[in-house]
PDB file of N, CA and C in Angstrom:
ATOM      1  N   UNK A   1     113.357 -36.351  22.060  1.00  0.00           N
ATOM      2  CA  UNK A   1     113.786 -37.316  21.433  1.00  0.00           C
ATOM      3  C   UNK A   1     115.096 -37.155  20.979  1.00  0.00           C
ATOM      4  N   UNK A   2     115.955 -37.856  21.096  1.00  0.00           N
ATOM      5  CA  UNK A   2     117.175 -37.810  20.568  1.00  0.00           C
ATOM      6  C   UNK A   2     117.956 -39.117  19.815  1.00  0.00           C
ATOM      7  N   UNK A   3     118.693 -39.098  19.031  1.00  0.00           N
ATOM      8  CA  UNK A   3     119.777 -39.992  18.558  1.00  0.00           C
ATOM      9  C   UNK A   3     120.873 -40.095  18.727  1.00  0.00           C
ATOM     10  N   UNK A   4     121.536 -41.047  18.655  1.00  0.00           N
ATOM     11  CA  UNK A   4     123.080 -41.152  19.177  1.00  0.00           C
ATOM     12  C   UNK A   4     123.279 -42.017  18.047  1.00  0.00           C
ATOM     13  N   UNK A   5     124.837 -40.982  17.324  1.00  0.00           N
ATOM     14  CA  UNK A   5     125.215 -41.816  15.886  1.00  0.00           C
ATOM     15  C   UNK A   5     126.665 -41.817  16.272  1.00  0.00           C
ATOM     16  N   UNK A   6     127.476 -42.869  15.913  1.00  0.00           N
ATOM     17  CA  UNK A   6     128.704 -42.841  15.786  1.00  0.00           C
ATOM     18  C   UNK A   6     129.431 -42.564  14.559  1.00  0.00           C
ATOM     19  N   UNK A   7     130.055 -41.586  14.459  1.00  0.00           N
ATOM     20  CA  UNK A   7     130.864 -41.080  13.086  1.00  0.00           C
ATOM     21  C   UNK A   7     132.587 -41.438  12.608  1.00  0.00           C
ATOM     22  N   UNK A   8     132.562 -41.602  11.190  1.00  0.00           N
ATOM     23  CA  UNK A   8     134.378 -42.015  11.653  1.00  0.00           C
ATOM     24  C   UNK A   8     134.841 -40.246  11.817  1.00  0.00           C
ATOM     25  N   UNK A   9     136.179 -40.443  11.932  1.00  0.00           N
ATOM     26  CA  UNK A   9     136.737 -39.184  12.363  1.00  0.00           C
ATOM     27  C   UNK A   9     136.744 -37.786  11.101  1.00  0.00           C
ATOM     28  N   UNK A  10     137.018 -38.547  10.268  1.00  0.00           N
ATOM     29  CA  UNK A  10     136.987 -37.439   9.168  1.00  0.00           C
ATOM     30  C   UNK A  10     135.670 -36.739   8.809  1.00  0.00           C
ATOM     31  N   UNK A  11     134.252 -37.522   9.166  1.00  0.00           N
ATOM     32  CA  UNK A  11     133.139 -37.060   8.936  1.00  0.00           C
ATOM     33  C   UNK A  11     132.663 -35.861   9.448  1.00  0.00           C
ATOM     34  N   UNK A  12     131.759 -35.424   8.687  1.00  0.00           N
ATOM     35  CA  UNK A  12     131.178 -34.098   9.188  1.00  0.00           C
ATOM     36  C   UNK A  12     129.765 -33.970   9.756  1.00  0.00           C
ATOM     37  N   UNK A  13     129.710 -33.976  11.422  1.00  0.00           N
ATOM     38  CA  UNK A  13     128.229 -34.143  11.721  1.00  0.00           C
ATOM     39  C   UNK A  13     126.994 -33.314  11.499  1.00  0.00           C
ATOM     40  N   UNK A  14     127.051 -32.119  10.528  1.00  0.00           N
ATOM     41  CA  UNK A  14     126.011 -31.372  10.160  1.00  0.00           C
ATOM     42  C   UNK A  14     126.225 -30.271  11.203  1.00  0.00           C
ATOM     43  N   UNK A  15     124.927 -29.566  11.336  1.00  0.00           N
ATOM     44  CA  UNK A  15     124.723 -28.504  12.230  1.00  0.00           C
ATOM     45  C   UNK A  15     123.595 -28.828  13.078  1.00  0.00           C
ATOM     46  N   UNK A  16     123.027 -29.687  13.159  1.00  0.00           N
ATOM     47  CA  UNK A  16     121.851 -29.822  14.248  1.00  0.00           C
ATOM     48  C   UNK A  16     121.978 -30.994  15.430  1.00  0.00           C
ATOM     49  N   UNK A  17     123.524 -30.744  15.772  1.00  0.00           N
ATOM     50  CA  UNK A  17     123.816 -31.831  16.790  1.00  0.00           C
ATOM     51  C   UNK A  17     123.458 -30.915  18.243  1.00  0.00           C
ATOM     52  N   UNK A  18     123.348 -31.651  19.103  1.00  0.00           N
ATOM     53  CA  UNK A  18     123.398 -31.300  20.657  1.00  0.00           C
ATOM     54  C   UNK A  18     124.940 -31.357  21.361  1.00  0.00           C
ATOM     55  N   UNK A  19     125.259 -32.633  20.948  1.00  0.00           N
ATOM     56  CA  UNK A  19     126.449 -33.201  21.897  1.00  0.00           C
ATOM     57  C   UNK A  19     127.591 -33.560  21.181  1.00  0.00           C
ATOM     58  N   UNK A  20     128.985 -33.420  20.917  1.00  0.00           N
ATOM     59  CA  UNK A  20     129.754 -33.677  20.274  1.00  0.00           C
ATOM     60  C   UNK A  20     130.829 -34.165  20.903  1.00  0.00           C
ATOM     61  N   UNK A  21     131.178 -35.436  20.753  1.00  0.00           N
ATOM     62  CA  UNK A  21     131.961 -35.639  21.565  1.00  0.00           C
ATOM     63  C   UNK A  21     133.444 -37.043  21.119  1.00  0.00           C
ATOM     64  N   UNK A  22     134.415 -36.673  20.482  1.00  0.00           N
ATOM     65  CA  UNK A  22     135.627 -37.251  19.484  1.00  0.00           C
ATOM     66  C   UNK A  22     136.440 -37.488  20.728  1.00  0.00           C
ATOM     67  N   UNK A  23     136.289 -39.246  20.225  1.00  0.00           N
ATOM     68  CA  UNK A  23     137.496 -40.118  20.929  1.00  0.00           C
ATOM     69  C   UNK A  23     138.213 -40.816  19.831  1.00  0.00           C
ATOM     70  N   UNK A  24     139.219 -41.664  20.117  1.00  0.00           N
ATOM     71  CA  UNK A  24     139.798 -42.458  19.350  1.00  0.00           C
ATOM     72  C   UNK A  24     139.508 -43.165  18.211  1.00  0.00           C
ATOM     73  N   UNK A  25     138.240 -43.736  19.081  1.00  0.00           N
ATOM     74  CA  UNK A  25     137.127 -44.750  17.928  1.00  0.00           C
ATOM     75  C   UNK A  25     136.555 -43.590  16.766  1.00  0.00           C
ATOM     76  N   UNK A  26     136.549 -41.968  16.992  1.00  0.00           N
ATOM     77  CA  UNK A  26     135.713 -41.674  15.924  1.00  0.00           C
ATOM     78  C   UNK A  26     134.718 -40.241  16.756  1.00  0.00           C
ATOM     79  N   UNK A  27     133.734 -40.133  16.281  1.00  0.00           N
ATOM     80  CA  UNK A  27     132.948 -38.994  16.850  1.00  0.00           C
ATOM     81  C   UNK A  27     131.391 -39.402  16.972  1.00  0.00           C
ATOM     82  N   UNK A  28     131.155 -39.092  18.533  1.00  0.00           N
ATOM     83  CA  UNK A  28     129.607 -39.270  18.585  1.00  0.00           C
ATOM     84  C   UNK A  28     129.139 -38.328  18.862  1.00  0.00           C
ATOM     85  N   UNK A  29     127.909 -38.387  18.131  1.00  0.00           N
ATOM     86  CA  UNK A  29     126.955 -37.128  17.777  1.00  0.00           C
ATOM     87  C   UNK A  29     125.447 -37.444  18.559  1.00  0.00           C
ATOM     88  N   UNK A  30     125.245 -36.526  19.119  1.00  0.00           N
ATOM     89  CA  UNK A  30     123.683 -36.535  19.885  1.00  0.00           C
ATOM     90  C   UNK A  30     122.938 -35.734  19.275  1.00  0.00           C
ATOM     91  N   UNK A  31     121.798 -35.734  18.530  1.00  0.00           N
ATOM     92  CA  UNK A  31     120.966 -34.541  18.246  1.00  0.00           C
ATOM     93  C   UNK A  31     119.628 -35.376  18.224  1.00  0.00           C
ATOM     94  N   UNK A  32     118.784 -33.832  17.878  1.00  0.00           N
ATOM     95  CA  UNK A  32     117.299 -34.511  17.974  1.00  0.00           C
ATOM     96  C   UNK A  32     116.874 -35.358  17.000  1.00  0.00           C
ATOM     97  N   UNK A  33     115.971 -36.334  16.983  1.00  0.00           N
ATOM     98  CA  UNK A  33     115.679 -37.270  16.057  1.00  0.00           C
ATOM     99  C   UNK A  33     115.007 -36.470  14.693  1.00  0.00           C
ATOM    100  N   UNK A  34     115.368 -37.044  13.923  1.00  0.00           N
ATOM    101  CA  UNK A  34     114.655 -36.680  12.330  1.00  0.00           C
ATOM    102  C   UNK A  34     113.406 -37.181  12.242  1.00  0.00           C
ATOM    103  N   UNK A  35     112.664 -36.591  11.431  1.00  0.00           N
ATOM    104  CA  UNK A  35     111.605 -37.152  11.231  1.00  0.00           C
ATOM    105  C   UNK A  35     111.632 -38.177  10.257  1.00  0.00           C
ATOM    106  N   UNK A  36     110.467 -39.325  10.632  1.00  0.00           N
ATOM    107  CA  UNK A  36     110.486 -40.789  10.003  1.00  0.00           C
ATOM    108  C   UNK A  36     112.211 -41.189  10.123  1.00  0.00           C
ATOM    109  N   UNK A  37     112.997 -41.067  11.079  1.00  0.00           N
ATOM    110  CA  UNK A  37     113.644 -41.813  11.317  1.00  0.00           C
ATOM    111  C   UNK A  37     114.040 -43.241  12.207  1.00  0.00           C
ATOM    112  N   UNK A  38     114.411 -44.353  11.932  1.00  0.00           N
ATOM    113  CA  UNK A  38     114.128 -45.225  12.204  1.00  0.00           C
ATOM    114  C   UNK A  38     115.335 -45.864  13.761  1.00  0.00           C
ATOM    115  N   UNK A  39     116.338 -44.922  13.864  1.00  0.00           N
ATOM    116  CA  UNK A  39     117.028 -45.256  14.868  1.00  0.00           C
ATOM    117  C   UNK A  39     116.663 -45.408  16.068  1.00  0.00           C
ATOM    118  N   UNK A  40     117.297 -45.731  17.097  1.00  0.00           N
ATOM    119  CA  UNK A  40     116.976 -46.118  18.598  1.00  0.00           C
ATOM    120  C   UNK A  40     116.403 -44.823  18.963  1.00  0.00           C
ATOM    121  N   UNK A  41     115.468 -44.369  19.710  1.00  0.00           N
ATOM    122  CA  UNK A  41     115.555 -42.795  20.224  1.00  0.00           C
ATOM    123  C   UNK A  41     115.635 -43.042  21.749  1.00  0.00           C
ATOM    124  N   UNK A  42     115.997 -41.771  21.934  1.00  0.00           N
ATOM    125  CA  UNK A  42     116.615 -41.842  23.421  1.00  0.00           C
ATOM    126  C   UNK A  42     115.555 -40.546  24.457  1.00  0.00           C
ATOM    127  N   UNK A  43     115.635 -40.331  25.203  1.00  0.00           N
ATOM    128  CA  UNK A  43     114.992 -39.471  26.015  1.00  0.00           C
ATOM    129  C   UNK A  43     115.860 -38.739  27.133  1.00  0.00           C
ATOM    130  N   UNK A  44     115.759 -37.584  27.642  1.00  0.00           N
ATOM    131  CA  UNK A  44     116.939 -37.006  28.456  1.00  0.00           C
ATOM    132  C   UNK A  44     116.460 -36.522  29.411  1.00  0.00           C
ATOM    133  N   UNK A  45     116.977 -36.806  30.347  1.00  0.00           N
ATOM    134  CA  UNK A  45     116.912 -36.218  31.920  1.00  0.00           C
ATOM    135  C   UNK A  45     118.397 -35.066  31.904  1.00  0.00           C
ATOM    136  N   UNK A  46     117.808 -34.095  32.658  1.00  0.00           N
ATOM    137  CA  UNK A  46     119.124 -32.714  32.698  1.00  0.00           C
ATOM    138  C   UNK A  46     118.821 -32.135  33.761  1.00  0.00           C
ATOM    139  N   UNK A  47     120.032 -32.068  34.618  1.00  0.00           N
ATOM    140  CA  UNK A  47     120.130 -31.383  35.672  1.00  0.00           C
ATOM    141  C   UNK A  47     120.424 -30.029  36.087  1.00  0.00           C
ATOM    142  N   UNK A  48     120.139 -29.633  34.569  1.00  0.00           N
ATOM    143  CA  UNK A  48     120.383 -28.094  34.889  1.00  0.00           C
ATOM    144  C   UNK A  48     119.509 -27.327  35.725  1.00  0.00           C
ATOM    145  N   UNK A  49     118.153 -27.474  36.462  1.00  0.00           N
ATOM    146  CA  UNK A  49     117.657 -27.037  37.401  1.00  0.00           C
ATOM    147  C   UNK A  49     118.194 -26.910  38.354  1.00  0.00           C
ATOM    148  N   UNK A  50     119.380 -27.560  38.783  1.00  0.00           N
ATOM    149  CA  UNK A  50     120.065 -28.150  39.913  1.00  0.00           C
ATOM    150  C   UNK A  50     121.289 -27.894  39.680  1.00  0.00           C
ATOM    151  N   UNK A  51     121.549 -26.602  38.955  1.00  0.00           N
ATOM    152  CA  UNK A  51     123.131 -26.729  38.750  1.00  0.00           C
ATOM    153  C   UNK A  51     124.207 -26.653  39.618  1.00  0.00           C
ATOM    154  N   UNK A  52     125.682 -26.956  39.205  1.00  0.00           N
ATOM    155  CA  UNK A  52     126.692 -27.054  39.905  1.00  0.00           C
ATOM    156  C   UNK A  52     127.816 -27.103  39.601  1.00  0.00           C
ATOM    157  N   UNK A  53     128.703 -26.493  40.357  1.00  0.00           N
ATOM    158  CA  UNK A  53     129.993 -26.743  39.615  1.00  0.00           C
ATOM    159  C   UNK A  53     130.649 -27.801  39.720  1.00  0.00           C
ATOM    160  N   UNK A  54     131.957 -27.634  39.159  1.00  0.00           N
ATOM    161  CA  UNK A  54     133.124 -28.933  38.607  1.00  0.00           C
ATOM    162  C   UNK A  54     133.242 -29.561  40.020  1.00  0.00           C
ATOM    163  N   UNK A  55     133.479 -28.505  41.369  1.00  0.00           N
ATOM    164  CA  UNK A  55     133.875 -29.033  42.745  1.00  0.00           C
ATOM    165  C   UNK A  55     132.599 -29.964  43.120  1.00  0.00           C
ATOM    166  N   UNK A  56     131.528 -29.862  42.795  1.00  0.00           N
ATOM    167  CA  UNK A  56     130.776 -30.419  43.726  1.00  0.00           C
ATOM    168  C   UNK A  56     130.323 -32.214  43.405  1.00  0.00           C
ATOM    169  N   UNK A  57     130.975 -33.060  44.273  1.00  0.00           N
ATOM    170  CA  UNK A  57     131.304 -34.329  44.173  1.00  0.00           C
ATOM    171  C   UNK A  57     129.576 -34.757  44.404  1.00  0.00           C
ATOM    172  N   UNK A  58     129.345 -36.095  43.382  1.00  0.00           N
ATOM    173  CA  UNK A  58     128.178 -36.721  43.525  1.00  0.00           C
ATOM    174  C   UNK A  58     127.156 -36.593  42.740  1.00  0.00           C
ATOM    175  N   UNK A  59     127.210 -35.822  42.067  1.00  0.00           N
ATOM    176  CA  UNK A  59     125.885 -34.721  41.211  1.00  0.00           C
ATOM    177  C   UNK A  59     125.323 -36.164  40.064  1.00  0.00           C
ATOM    178  N   UNK A  60     126.324 -36.383  39.388  1.00  0.00           N
ATOM    179  CA  UNK A  60     125.952 -37.309  38.126  1.00  0.00           C
ATOM    180  C   UNK A  60     125.593 -38.510  38.977  1.00  0.00           C
ATOM    181  N   UNK A  61     126.423 -38.801  39.638  1.00  0.00           N
ATOM    182  CA  UNK A  61     126.423 -40.453  40.571  1.00  0.00           C
ATOM    183  C   UNK A  61     124.881 -40.556  41.176  1.00  0.00           C
ATOM    184  N   UNK A  62     124.736 -39.291  41.639  1.00  0.00           N
ATOM    185  CA  UNK A  62     122.812 -39.430  42.258  1.00  0.00           C
ATOM    186  C   UNK A  62     122.024 -39.988  41.149  1.00  0.00           C
ATOM    187  N   UNK A  63     121.875 -39.671  39.888  1.00  0.00           N
ATOM    188  CA  UNK A  63     121.557 -39.785  39.126  1.00  0.00           C
ATOM    189  C   UNK A  63     121.083 -41.076  38.024  1.00  0.00           C
ATOM    190  N   UNK A  64     122.736 -41.471  37.911  1.00  0.00           N
ATOM    191  CA  UNK A  64     123.052 -42.432  37.161  1.00  0.00           C
ATOM    192  C   UNK A  64     123.068 -43.801  37.813  1.00  0.00           C
ATOM    193  N   UNK A  65     123.185 -43.562  39.101  1.00  0.00           N
ATOM    194  CA  UNK A  65     123.611 -44.895  40.113  1.00  0.00           C
ATOM    195  C   UNK A  65     122.102 -45.595  40.510  1.00  0.00           C
ATOM    196  N   UNK A  66     120.899 -44.926  40.344  1.00  0.00           N
ATOM    197  CA  UNK A  66     119.445 -45.662  40.763  1.00  0.00           C
ATOM    198  C   UNK A  66     119.207 -45.984  39.369  1.00  0.00           C
ATOM    199  N   UNK A  67     119.706 -45.595  38.058  1.00  0.00           N
ATOM    200  CA  UNK A  67     119.399 -46.192  36.476  1.00  0.00           C
ATOM    201  C   UNK A  67     120.428 -47.592  36.623  1.00  0.00           C
ATOM    202  N   UNK A  68     121.389 -47.580  36.759  1.00  0.00           N
ATOM    203  CA  UNK A  68     122.374 -48.809  36.827  1.00  0.00           C
ATOM    204  C   UNK A  68     121.497 -49.831  37.549  1.00  0.00           C
ATOM    205  N   UNK A  69     121.287 -49.070  38.929  1.00  0.00           N
ATOM    206  CA  UNK A  69     119.965 -50.476  39.787  1.00  0.00           C
ATOM    207  C   UNK A  69     118.931 -50.838  39.324  1.00  0.00           C
ATOM    208  N   UNK A  70     118.544 -50.125  38.015  1.00  0.00           N
ATOM    209  CA  UNK A  70     117.459 -50.799  37.423  1.00  0.00           C
ATOM    210  C   UNK A  70     117.945 -51.258  36.167  1.00  0.00           C
ATOM    211  N   UNK A  71     119.199 -51.545  36.222  1.00  0.00           N
ATOM    212  CA  UNK A  71     119.812 -52.074  34.773  1.00  0.00           C
ATOM    213  C   UNK A  71     119.085 -50.951  33.332  1.00  0.00           C
ATOM    214  N   UNK A  72     119.238 -49.875  33.806  1.00  0.00           N
ATOM    215  CA  UNK A  72     118.851 -48.975  32.569  1.00  0.00           C
ATOM    216  C   UNK A  72     119.696 -48.459  31.938  1.00  0.00           C
ATOM    217  N   UNK A  73     120.489 -48.607  30.845  1.00  0.00           N
ATOM    218  CA  UNK A  73     121.338 -48.174  30.204  1.00  0.00           C
ATOM    219  C   UNK A  73     121.124 -46.605  30.089  1.00  0.00           C
ATOM    220  N   UNK A  74     122.435 -46.010  30.048  1.00  0.00           N
ATOM    221  CA  UNK A  74     122.712 -44.141  29.772  1.00  0.00           C
ATOM    222  C   UNK A  74     123.587 -43.931  28.619  1.00  0.00           C
ATOM    223  N   UNK A  75     123.513 -42.737  28.200  1.00  0.00           N
ATOM    224  CA  UNK A  75     124.333 -42.139  27.603  1.00  0.00           C
ATOM    225  C   UNK A  75     124.431 -40.875  28.317  1.00  0.00           C
ATOM    226  N   UNK A  76     125.832 -40.291  29.062  1.00  0.00           N
ATOM    227  CA  UNK A  76     125.915 -38.759  29.758  1.00  0.00           C
ATOM    228  C   UNK A  76     126.444 -38.155  28.535  1.00  0.00           C
ATOM    229  N   UNK A  77     126.495 -37.075  28.715  1.00  0.00           N
ATOM    230  CA  UNK A  77     126.993 -35.549  28.170  1.00  0.00           C
ATOM    231  C   UNK A  77     127.163 -34.387  29.664  1.00  0.00           C
ATOM    232  N   UNK A  78     127.824 -33.847  29.821  1.00  0.00           N
ATOM    233  CA  UNK A  78     128.265 -32.775  30.858  1.00  0.00           C
ATOM    234  C   UNK A  78     128.806 -31.633  30.427  1.00  0.00           C
ATOM    235  N   UNK A  79     128.164 -30.563  31.071  1.00  0.00           N
ATOM    236  CA  UNK A  79     128.924 -29.060  30.835  1.00  0.00           C
ATOM    237  C   UNK A  79     129.434 -28.769  32.429  1.00  0.00           C
ATOM    238  N   UNK A  80     130.088 -27.637  32.386  1.00  0.00           N
ATOM    239  CA  UNK A  80     130.671 -27.548  33.635  1.00  0.00           C
ATOM    240  C   UNK A  80     129.727 -27.118  34.992  1.00  0.00           C
ATOM    241  N   UNK A  81     128.404 -27.156  34.485  1.00  0.00           N
ATOM    242  CA  UNK A  81     127.471 -26.837  35.743  1.00  0.00           C
ATOM    243  C   UNK A  81     125.821 -27.692  35.423  1.00  0.00           C
ATOM    244  N   UNK A  82     126.097 -28.827  34.738  1.00  0.00           N
ATOM    245  CA  UNK A  82     124.777 -29.768  34.591  1.00  0.00           C
ATOM    246  C   UNK A  82     125.402 -30.950  33.894  1.00  0.00           C
ATOM    247  N   UNK A  83     124.447 -31.955  33.699  1.00  0.00           N
ATOM    248  CA  UNK A  83     124.503 -33.376  33.384  1.00  0.00           C
ATOM    249  C   UNK A  83     122.989 -33.416  32.491  1.00  0.00           C
ATOM    250  N   UNK A  84     123.505 -33.895  31.322  1.00  0.00           N
ATOM    251  CA  UNK A  84     122.657 -34.656  30.284  1.00  0.00           C
ATOM    252  C   UNK A  84     122.622 -36.169  30.531  1.00  0.00           C
ATOM    253  N   UNK A  85     121.527 -37.024  31.000  1.00  0.00           N
ATOM    254  CA  UNK A  85     121.537 -38.355  30.928  1.00  0.00           C
ATOM    255  C   UNK A  85     120.198 -38.417  29.665  1.00  0.00           C
ATOM    256  N   UNK A  86     120.949 -39.442  29.036  1.00  0.00           N
ATOM    257  CA  UNK A  86     119.721 -40.141  27.996  1.00  0.00           C
ATOM    258  C   UNK A  86     119.713 -41.411  28.350  1.00  0.00           C
ATOM    259  N   UNK A  87     118.323 -42.032  28.077  1.00  0.00           N
ATOM    260  CA  UNK A  87     118.359 -43.384  28.359  1.00  0.00           C
ATOM    261  C   UNK A  87     117.292 -43.793  27.152  1.00  0.00           C
ATOM    262  N   UNK A  88     117.004 -44.960  26.566  1.00  0.00           N
ATOM    263  CA  UNK A  88     116.255 -45.640  26.036  1.00  0.00           C
ATOM    264  C   UNK A  88     114.987 -45.085  26.249  1.00  0.00           C
ATOM    265  N   UNK A  89     114.400 -44.887  24.715  1.00  0.00           N
ATOM    266  CA  UNK A  89     112.635 -44.030  24.569  1.00  0.00           C
ATOM    267  C   UNK A  89     111.942 -45.814  25.333  1.00  0.00           C
ATOM    268  N   UNK A  90     112.220 -46.686  25.130  1.00  0.00           N
ATOM    269  CA  UNK A  90     111.292 -47.483  25.226  1.00  0.00           C
ATOM    270  C   UNK A  90     111.650 -47.910  27.191  1.00  0.00           C
ATOM    271  N   UNK A  91     112.615 -47.412  27.706  1.00  0.00           N
ATOM    272  CA  UNK A  91     112.405 -47.319  29.223  1.00  0.00           C
ATOM    273  C   UNK A  91     112.403 -46.051  29.682  1.00  0.00           C
ATOM    274  N   UNK A  92     111.580 -45.526  29.449  1.00  0.00           N
ATOM    275  CA  UNK A  92     111.428 -43.859  29.709  1.00  0.00           C
ATOM    276  C   UNK A  92     110.803 -44.189  31.361  1.00  0.00           C
ATOM    277  N   UNK A  93     109.328 -44.979  31.348  1.00  0.00           N
ATOM    278  CA  UNK A  93     108.740 -45.251  32.342  1.00  0.00           C
ATOM    279  C   UNK A  93     109.610 -45.966  33.849  1.00  0.00           C
ATOM    280  N   UNK A  94     110.192 -46.828  33.321  1.00  0.00           N
ATOM    281  CA  UNK A  94     111.337 -47.100  34.069  1.00  0.00           C
ATOM    282  C   UNK A  94     112.282 -46.222  35.123  1.00  0.00           C
ATOM    283  N   UNK A  95     112.755 -45.919  33.969  1.00  0.00           N
ATOM    284  CA  UNK A  95     114.002 -44.492  34.524  1.00  0.00           C
ATOM    285  C   UNK A  95     112.966 -43.765  35.439  1.00  0.00           C
ATOM    286  N   UNK A  96     111.559 -43.080  34.992  1.00  0.00           N
ATOM    287  CA  UNK A  96     110.960 -42.058  36.208  1.00  0.00           C
ATOM    288  C   UNK A  96     110.913 -42.595  36.971  1.00  0.00           C
ATOM    289  N   UNK A  97     110.450 -43.961  37.431  1.00  0.00           N
ATOM    290  CA  UNK A  97     110.388 -44.597  38.348  1.00  0.00           C
ATOM    291  C   UNK A  97     111.589 -44.989  39.116  1.00  0.00           C
ATOM    292  N   UNK A  98     112.556 -45.078  39.091  1.00  0.00           N
ATOM    293  CA  UNK A  98     113.504 -45.471  39.369  1.00  0.00           C
ATOM    294  C   UNK A  98     114.461 -44.062  40.203  1.00  0.00           C
ATOM    295  N   UNK A  99     114.010 -42.859  39.261  1.00  0.00           N
ATOM    296  CA  UNK A  99     114.604 -41.546  39.679  1.00  0.00           C
ATOM    297  C   UNK A  99     113.894 -40.864  41.061  1.00  0.00           C
ATOM    298  N   UNK A 100     112.324 -41.302  40.349  1.00  0.00           N
ATOM    299  CA  UNK A 100     111.631 -40.815  41.633  1.00  0.00           C
ATOM    300  C   UNK A 100     111.975 -42.028  43.485  1.00  0.00           C
ATOM    301  N   UNK A 101     111.749 -42.872  42.738  1.00  0.00           N
ATOM    302  CA  UNK A 101     112.287 -43.659  43.974  1.00  0.00           C
ATOM    303  C   UNK A 101     113.227 -43.392  44.724  1.00  0.00           C
ATOM    304  N   UNK A 102     114.258 -42.662  43.944  1.00  0.00           N
ATOM    305  CA  UNK A 102     116.086 -42.345  44.776  1.00  0.00           C
ATOM    306  C   UNK A 102     115.650 -40.815  45.171  1.00  0.00           C
ATOM    307  N   UNK A 103     114.516 -40.201  45.064  1.00  0.00           N
ATOM    308  CA  UNK A 103     114.094 -39.156  45.810  1.00  0.00           C
ATOM    309  C   UNK A 103     114.493 -37.922  44.660  1.00  0.00           C
ATOM    310  N   UNK A 104     114.513 -37.855  43.311  1.00  0.00           N
ATOM    311  CA  UNK A 104     114.664 -36.881  42.361  1.00  0.00           C
ATOM    312  C   UNK A 104     113.011 -36.320  42.388  1.00  0.00           C
ATOM    313  N   UNK A 105     113.286 -35.235  41.717  1.00  0.00           N
ATOM    314  CA  UNK A 105     111.744 -34.893  41.331  1.00  0.00           C
ATOM    315  C   UNK A 105     111.562 -34.618  39.942  1.00  0.00           C
ATOM    316  N   UNK A 106     110.973 -35.344  39.039  1.00  0.00           N
ATOM    317  CA  UNK A 106     111.197 -35.467  37.616  1.00  0.00           C
ATOM    318  C   UNK A 106     109.839 -34.858  36.944  1.00  0.00           C
ATOM    319  N   UNK A 107     110.330 -33.873  35.904  1.00  0.00           N
ATOM    320  CA  UNK A 107     108.942 -32.859  35.775  1.00  0.00           C
ATOM    321  C   UNK A 107     109.297 -32.806  34.052  1.00  0.00           C
ATOM    322  N   UNK A 108     108.295 -32.928  33.466  1.00  0.00           N
ATOM    323  CA  UNK A 108     108.781 -32.593  31.933  1.00  0.00           C
ATOM    324  C   UNK A 108     108.738 -31.334  31.207  1.00  0.00           C
ATOM    325  N   UNK A 109     109.595 -30.846  30.428  1.00  0.00           N
ATOM    326  CA  UNK A 109     109.849 -29.886  29.858  1.00  0.00           C
ATOM    327  C   UNK A 109     108.471 -29.501  28.838  1.00  0.00           C
ATOM    328  N   UNK A 110     108.437 -28.286  28.370  1.00  0.00           N
ATOM    329  CA  UNK A 110     107.771 -27.384  27.557  1.00  0.00           C
ATOM    330  C   UNK A 110     106.831 -28.475  26.510  1.00  0.00           C
ATOM    331  N   UNK A 111     107.385 -29.612  26.098  1.00  0.00           N
ATOM    332  CA  UNK A 111     106.622 -30.284  24.779  1.00  0.00           C
ATOM    333  C   UNK A 111     107.654 -30.159  23.606  1.00  0.00           C
ATOM    334  N   UNK A 112     108.533 -29.150  23.721  1.00  0.00           N
ATOM    335  CA  UNK A 112     109.187 -28.914  22.818  1.00  0.00           C
ATOM    336  C   UNK A 112     109.910 -30.098  21.958  1.00  0.00           C
ATOM    337  N   UNK A 113     110.031 -30.014  20.249  1.00  0.00           N
ATOM    338  CA  UNK A 113     111.053 -31.333  20.035  1.00  0.00           C
ATOM    339  C   UNK A 113     112.177 -31.370  20.600  1.00  0.00           C
ATOM    340  N   UNK A 114     112.435 -32.685  21.154  1.00  0.00           N
ATOM    341  CA  UNK A 114     114.070 -32.672  22.004  1.00  0.00           C
ATOM    342  C   UNK A 114     114.125 -31.958  23.285  1.00  0.00           C
ATOM    343  N   UNK A 115     113.170 -31.589  23.867  1.00  0.00           N
ATOM    344  CA  UNK A 115     113.330 -30.920  25.390  1.00  0.00           C
ATOM    345  C   UNK A 115     113.017 -32.280  26.017  1.00  0.00           C
ATOM    346  N   UNK A 116     114.186 -31.832  27.033  1.00  0.00           N
ATOM    347  CA  UNK A 116     114.751 -33.316  28.013  1.00  0.00           C
ATOM    348  C   UNK A 116     113.795 -33.105  28.855  1.00  0.00           C
ATOM    349  N   UNK A 117     113.748 -34.142  30.037  1.00  0.00           N
ATOM    350  CA  UNK A 117     112.958 -34.276  30.821  1.00  0.00           C
ATOM    351  C   UNK A 117     114.002 -33.359  32.157  1.00  0.00           C
ATOM    352  N   UNK A 118     113.318 -32.765  33.245  1.00  0.00           N
ATOM    353  CA  UNK A 118     114.329 -32.023  34.092  1.00  0.00           C
ATOM    354  C   UNK A 118     114.477 -32.807  35.290  1.00  0.00           C
ATOM    355  N   UNK A 119     115.387 -32.907  36.170  1.00  0.00           N
ATOM    356  CA  UNK A 119     115.459 -33.754  37.554  1.00  0.00           C
ATOM    357  C   UNK A 119     116.054 -32.942  37.891  1.00  0.00           C
ATOM    358  N   UNK A 120     115.421 -33.222  39.338  1.00  0.00           N
ATOM    359  CA  UNK A 120     115.806 -31.985  40.497  1.00  0.00           C
ATOM    360  C   UNK A 120     116.069 -33.291  41.449  1.00  0.00           C
ATOM    361  N   UNK A 121     116.846 -32.869  42.355  1.00  0.00           N
ATOM    362  CA  UNK A 121     117.154 -33.882  43.484  1.00  0.00           C
ATOM    363  C   UNK A 121     117.149 -33.182  44.937  1.00  0.00           C
TER     364      UNK A 121
END
């Protein structure tokens, strides 16, 4: 489970972050949900099992398009060879169905806290 926070520019994100993105509006932080935290929880789909270079078009679109068509909100963070797509936990089952219907194979992680689902196409 993940949490997404928006912090003002001078704020420190601490050291438990997974993703940091600094934009004109401030710092967006993605981190594992802390115990007893009441913020919205997000689950992750990670395309690391199908790593790709920056020159391969359409990899992220293949994941977010079926989610958009199912009206499921997403938060996306990408590395140079994989994508992490977060969806609200309450929409997890709908997201799995949408991805599988689009031809993706969705497998759960090993049960570790914050372990994302792995999605392959």
